[in-house]
Protein backbone atom coordinates (compact mmCIF):
# COMPACT_ATOMS: atom_id res chain seq x y z
CA UNK A 1 31.77 2.81 -89.39
CA UNK A 2 32.61 1.87 -85.81
CA UNK A 3 34.00 5.20 -85.07
CA UNK A 4 30.56 6.83 -86.30
CA UNK A 5 28.78 4.44 -84.08
CA UNK A 6 30.95 5.22 -81.10
CA UNK A 7 30.59 9.04 -81.79
CA UNK A 8 26.70 8.45 -81.88
CA UNK A 9 26.73 6.53 -78.66
CA UNK A 10 28.94 9.10 -77.03
CA UNK A 11 26.55 12.06 -78.38
CA UNK A 12 23.56 10.06 -76.92
CA UNK A 13 25.26 9.39 -73.47
CA UNK A 14 26.23 12.87 -73.26
CA UNK A 15 22.55 14.14 -74.26
CA UNK A 16 21.06 11.68 -71.61
CA UNK A 17 23.43 12.96 -68.95
CA UNK A 18 22.45 16.56 -69.76
CA UNK A 19 18.77 15.38 -69.51
CA UNK A 20 19.39 13.83 -66.17
CA UNK A 21 21.16 16.86 -64.77
CA UNK A 22 18.44 19.26 -66.11
CA UNK A 23 15.67 17.10 -64.42
CA UNK A 24 17.56 16.98 -61.23
CA UNK A 25 18.01 20.66 -61.26
CA UNK A 26 14.40 21.27 -62.01
CA UNK A 27 13.23 18.78 -59.18
CA UNK A 28 15.31 20.68 -56.67
CA UNK A 29 13.90 23.99 -57.79
CA UNK A 30 10.38 22.68 -57.51
CA UNK A 31 11.03 21.03 -54.00
CA UNK A 32 12.60 24.37 -52.79
CA UNK A 33 9.66 26.27 -53.94
CA UNK A 34 7.41 23.58 -52.47
CA UNK A 35 8.97 24.10 -48.94
CA UNK A 36 8.68 28.00 -49.29
CA UNK A 37 4.95 27.50 -49.98
CA UNK A 38 4.54 25.08 -46.89
CA UNK A 39 6.09 27.41 -44.75
CA UNK A 40 3.92 30.26 -46.11
CA UNK A 41 0.86 28.09 -45.58
CA UNK A 42 1.81 27.24 -41.91
CA UNK A 43 2.31 31.03 -41.29
CA UNK A 44 -1.11 31.65 -42.76
CA UNK A 45 -2.57 29.13 -40.52
CA UNK A 46 -0.98 30.73 -37.55
CA UNK A 47 -2.16 34.05 -38.57
CA UNK A 48 -5.63 32.68 -39.12
CA UNK A 49 -5.85 31.28 -35.61
CA UNK A 50 -4.60 34.59 -34.16
CA UNK A 51 -7.34 36.35 -36.20
CA UNK A 52 -10.07 34.08 -34.88
CA UNK A 53 -9.06 34.58 -31.36
CA UNK A 54 -9.06 38.46 -31.91
CA UNK A 55 -12.44 38.33 -33.38
CA UNK A 56 -13.90 36.22 -30.58
CA UNK A 57 -12.22 38.86 -28.04
CA UNK A 58 -13.76 41.77 -30.06
CA UNK A 59 -17.22 40.31 -30.28
CA UNK A 60 -17.54 39.20 -26.60
CA UNK A 61 -20.95 40.01 -25.22
CA UNK A 62 -19.53 41.54 -21.83
CA UNK A 63 -17.10 43.73 -24.11
CA UNK A 64 -19.65 45.00 -26.38
CA UNK A 65 -22.05 45.60 -23.32
CA UNK A 66 -19.30 47.43 -21.55
CA UNK A 67 -18.59 49.77 -24.48
CA UNK A 68 -22.22 50.40 -25.12
CA UNK A 69 -22.50 51.82 -21.48
CA UNK A 70 -19.16 53.54 -21.26
CA UNK A 71 -18.76 55.09 -24.82
CA UNK A 72 -22.43 55.20 -25.92
CA UNK A 73 -24.21 55.84 -22.68
CA UNK A 74 -26.63 52.99 -23.16
CA UNK A 75 -28.18 51.09 -20.45
CA UNK A 76 -30.99 48.30 -20.36
CA UNK A 77 -34.47 49.45 -20.77
CA UNK A 78 -36.75 49.58 -17.69
CA UNK A 79 -39.60 46.99 -17.76
CA UNK A 80 -42.30 49.60 -18.79
CA UNK A 81 -40.18 50.49 -22.01
CA UNK A 82 -40.34 46.68 -23.13
CA UNK A 83 -42.93 45.82 -25.62
CA UNK A 84 -43.13 42.17 -26.53
CA UNK A 85 -44.51 41.82 -30.13
CA UNK A 86 -45.80 38.22 -30.93
CA UNK A 87 -46.53 37.19 -34.53
CA UNK A 88 -50.07 36.87 -35.59
CA UNK A 89 -51.38 33.32 -36.63
């Protein structure tokens, strides 16, 4: 009887130890994945900042005006060509 009880205790101890090892392994895998995702998020934040800076550069008023003049041959209208339309009440 005692031998059977000891065998059950040993089996339960081994099962518990295997459960702990499995849980630790899973926790380490999840932590490694979490760190990879944090690094990816940081990389995307840096890229987002660079894209915002690039967008502000491309959309700068002076740049658009310069391109309109040089590439499209556009120029500001002379005062006689400007017609102001006011909304009717």
